[in-house]
Amino acid sequence: MSTLKELVEQLPPDLQDEARVFVEFLLEKKARKKERKLRQDWAGALRGYRDQYTSLELQKKALEWRGD
């Protein structure tokens, strides 16, 4: 089985450039995934309802409000 380098070398120069650009895109995409942090800005958003509903009722109500 050929290596990626060997396969790319078989391509004409314009397609080698296209392959390089695609590989750079994949590397950038991978780097962006690592940078992403877990968002928790929603935490505590329903705190004001804890005296009105049980946790199960609040869960169901939240789904209603979201439209699920």
N, C-alpha and C. Protein backbone atom coordinates (compact mmCIF):
# COMPACT_ATOMS: atom_id res chain seq x y z
N MET A 1 0.84 -1.18 0.00
CA MET A 1 0.00 0.00 0.00
C MET A 1 0.89 1.24 0.00
N SER A 2 0.55 2.20 -0.82
CA SER A 2 1.32 3.44 -0.95
C SER A 2 1.07 4.37 0.22
N THR A 3 2.10 5.15 0.54
CA THR A 3 1.93 6.17 1.58
C THR A 3 1.24 7.38 0.97
N LEU A 4 0.76 8.23 1.81
CA LEU A 4 0.10 9.44 1.34
C LEU A 4 1.05 10.28 0.49
N LYS A 5 2.29 10.38 0.94
CA LYS A 5 3.28 11.17 0.20
C LYS A 5 3.48 10.60 -1.21
N GLU A 6 3.58 9.29 -1.31
CA GLU A 6 3.77 8.65 -2.61
C GLU A 6 2.57 8.89 -3.53
N LEU A 7 1.39 8.82 -2.97
CA LEU A 7 0.18 9.05 -3.76
C LEU A 7 0.12 10.49 -4.27
N VAL A 8 0.43 11.43 -3.38
CA VAL A 8 0.38 12.85 -3.76
C VAL A 8 1.42 13.14 -4.83
N GLU A 9 2.58 12.53 -4.73
CA GLU A 9 3.64 12.75 -5.71
C GLU A 9 3.24 12.27 -7.11
N GLN A 10 2.30 11.36 -7.20
CA GLN A 10 1.82 10.87 -8.50
C GLN A 10 0.87 11.85 -9.16
N LEU A 11 0.36 12.79 -8.41
CA LEU A 11 -0.59 13.78 -8.95
C LEU A 11 0.13 14.86 -9.74
N PRO A 12 -0.56 15.48 -10.70
CA PRO A 12 0.02 16.64 -11.38
C PRO A 12 0.15 17.80 -10.39
N PRO A 13 1.04 18.76 -10.66
CA PRO A 13 1.31 19.86 -9.71
C PRO A 13 0.06 20.60 -9.22
N ASP A 14 -0.91 20.85 -10.10
CA ASP A 14 -2.09 21.60 -9.66
C ASP A 14 -2.91 20.80 -8.65
N LEU A 15 -2.97 19.49 -8.83
CA LEU A 15 -3.70 18.66 -7.87
C LEU A 15 -2.90 18.45 -6.58
N GLN A 16 -1.57 18.49 -6.68
CA GLN A 16 -0.75 18.43 -5.47
C GLN A 16 -1.03 19.65 -4.60
N ASP A 17 -1.15 20.81 -5.23
CA ASP A 17 -1.49 22.03 -4.49
C ASP A 17 -2.85 21.90 -3.82
N GLU A 18 -3.81 21.33 -4.56
CA GLU A 18 -5.15 21.16 -4.01
C GLU A 18 -5.13 20.20 -2.82
N ALA A 19 -4.34 19.13 -2.91
CA ALA A 19 -4.21 18.17 -1.81
C ALA A 19 -3.57 18.85 -0.60
N ARG A 20 -2.56 19.69 -0.83
CA ARG A 20 -1.91 20.41 0.26
C ARG A 20 -2.89 21.32 0.98
N VAL A 21 -3.69 22.06 0.19
CA VAL A 21 -4.68 22.98 0.77
C VAL A 21 -5.69 22.19 1.61
N PHE A 22 -6.12 21.03 1.10
CA PHE A 22 -7.09 20.22 1.84
C PHE A 22 -6.50 19.70 3.15
N VAL A 23 -5.26 19.25 3.11
CA VAL A 23 -4.61 18.75 4.33
C VAL A 23 -4.46 19.89 5.35
N GLU A 24 -4.11 21.08 4.88
CA GLU A 24 -4.02 22.23 5.78
C GLU A 24 -5.37 22.53 6.41
N PHE A 25 -6.44 22.42 5.62
CA PHE A 25 -7.79 22.62 6.14
C PHE A 25 -8.09 21.61 7.24
N LEU A 26 -7.76 20.34 7.01
CA LEU A 26 -8.02 19.31 8.01
C LEU A 26 -7.25 19.57 9.30
N LEU A 27 -6.02 20.03 9.18
CA LEU A 27 -5.22 20.34 10.36
C LEU A 27 -5.81 21.52 11.14
N GLU A 28 -6.28 22.54 10.43
CA GLU A 28 -6.93 23.68 11.10
C GLU A 28 -8.21 23.25 11.79
N LYS A 29 -8.97 22.39 11.13
CA LYS A 29 -10.23 21.89 11.70
C LYS A 29 -9.95 21.11 12.99
N LYS A 30 -8.91 20.30 12.98
CA LYS A 30 -8.53 19.53 14.17
C LYS A 30 -8.12 20.47 15.30
N ALA A 31 -7.36 21.50 14.97
CA ALA A 31 -6.90 22.45 15.98
C ALA A 31 -8.08 23.21 16.59
N ARG A 32 -9.08 23.56 15.77
CA ARG A 32 -10.25 24.27 16.27
C ARG A 32 -11.04 23.42 17.25
N LYS A 33 -11.12 22.12 17.02
CA LYS A 33 -11.85 21.24 17.92
C LYS A 33 -11.20 21.21 19.30
N LYS A 34 -9.89 21.23 19.35
CA LYS A 34 -9.18 21.19 20.62
C LYS A 34 -9.40 22.48 21.41
N GLU A 35 -9.54 23.60 20.72
CA GLU A 35 -9.68 24.89 21.38
C GLU A 35 -11.05 25.07 22.02
N ARG A 36 -12.04 24.36 21.53
CA ARG A 36 -13.40 24.53 21.99
C ARG A 36 -13.54 24.08 23.44
N LYS A 37 -14.11 24.94 24.28
CA LYS A 37 -14.34 24.61 25.68
C LYS A 37 -15.83 24.38 25.89
N LEU A 38 -16.13 23.61 26.90
CA LEU A 38 -17.51 23.31 27.23
C LEU A 38 -18.19 24.57 27.76
N ARG A 39 -19.29 24.93 27.11
CA ARG A 39 -20.06 26.09 27.54
C ARG A 39 -21.03 25.69 28.63
N GLN A 40 -21.05 26.46 29.71
CA GLN A 40 -22.01 26.20 30.77
C GLN A 40 -22.67 27.50 31.21
N ASP A 41 -22.83 28.40 30.26
CA ASP A 41 -23.44 29.68 30.60
C ASP A 41 -24.93 29.55 30.92
N TRP A 42 -25.50 28.40 30.65
CA TRP A 42 -26.90 28.15 30.94
C TRP A 42 -27.10 27.67 32.37
N ALA A 43 -26.03 27.27 33.05
CA ALA A 43 -26.13 26.69 34.39
C ALA A 43 -26.82 27.66 35.35
N GLY A 44 -27.80 27.16 36.04
CA GLY A 44 -28.52 27.95 37.01
C GLY A 44 -29.62 28.82 36.42
N ALA A 45 -29.87 28.70 35.14
CA ALA A 45 -30.84 29.57 34.48
C ALA A 45 -32.27 29.33 34.99
N LEU A 46 -32.55 28.15 35.51
CA LEU A 46 -33.90 27.84 35.98
C LEU A 46 -34.00 27.89 37.51
N ARG A 47 -33.02 28.46 38.15
CA ARG A 47 -32.96 28.51 39.60
C ARG A 47 -34.22 29.13 40.22
N GLY A 48 -34.76 30.13 39.56
CA GLY A 48 -35.93 30.82 40.09
C GLY A 48 -37.18 29.96 40.15
N TYR A 49 -37.18 28.83 39.49
CA TYR A 49 -38.34 27.95 39.47
C TYR A 49 -38.25 26.77 40.44
N ARG A 50 -37.18 26.67 41.18
CA ARG A 50 -37.00 25.47 42.01
C ARG A 50 -38.03 25.34 43.12
N ASP A 51 -38.61 26.45 43.55
CA ASP A 51 -39.65 26.37 44.59
C ASP A 51 -41.02 26.05 44.00
N GLN A 52 -41.19 26.23 42.70
CA GLN A 52 -42.47 25.99 42.05
C GLN A 52 -42.62 24.57 41.53
N TYR A 53 -41.51 23.93 41.17
CA TYR A 53 -41.54 22.63 40.53
C TYR A 53 -40.56 21.66 41.18
N THR A 54 -40.89 20.36 41.10
CA THR A 54 -39.90 19.36 41.49
C THR A 54 -38.87 19.30 40.36
N SER A 55 -37.79 18.59 40.58
CA SER A 55 -36.75 18.51 39.54
C SER A 55 -37.29 17.84 38.27
N LEU A 56 -38.14 16.82 38.44
CA LEU A 56 -38.70 16.15 37.28
C LEU A 56 -39.68 17.06 36.54
N GLU A 57 -40.52 17.76 37.28
CA GLU A 57 -41.45 18.70 36.65
C GLU A 57 -40.70 19.81 35.92
N LEU A 58 -39.65 20.28 36.55
CA LEU A 58 -38.84 21.35 35.94
C LEU A 58 -38.17 20.86 34.66
N GLN A 59 -37.71 19.63 34.66
CA GLN A 59 -37.11 19.05 33.46
C GLN A 59 -38.14 19.00 32.34
N LYS A 60 -39.34 18.53 32.64
CA LYS A 60 -40.39 18.46 31.63
C LYS A 60 -40.78 19.85 31.14
N LYS A 61 -40.87 20.80 32.07
CA LYS A 61 -41.24 22.17 31.72
C LYS A 61 -40.17 22.79 30.81
N ALA A 62 -38.92 22.54 31.13
CA ALA A 62 -37.83 23.08 30.31
C ALA A 62 -37.91 22.54 28.89
N LEU A 63 -38.26 21.26 28.75
CA LEU A 63 -38.43 20.69 27.41
C LEU A 63 -39.59 21.36 26.68
N GLU A 64 -40.66 21.64 27.39
CA GLU A 64 -41.79 22.36 26.78
C GLU A 64 -41.36 23.74 26.29
N TRP A 65 -40.63 24.45 27.14
CA TRP A 65 -40.20 25.81 26.79
C TRP A 65 -39.25 25.81 25.60
N ARG A 66 -38.44 24.77 25.50
CA ARG A 66 -37.51 24.67 24.35
C ARG A 66 -38.22 24.23 23.09
N GLY A 67 -39.41 23.65 23.25
CA GLY A 67 -40.16 23.18 22.08
C GLY A 67 -39.87 21.74 21.72
N ASP A 68 -39.25 20.99 22.61
CA ASP A 68 -38.95 19.56 22.34
C ASP A 68 -40.13 18.68 22.67
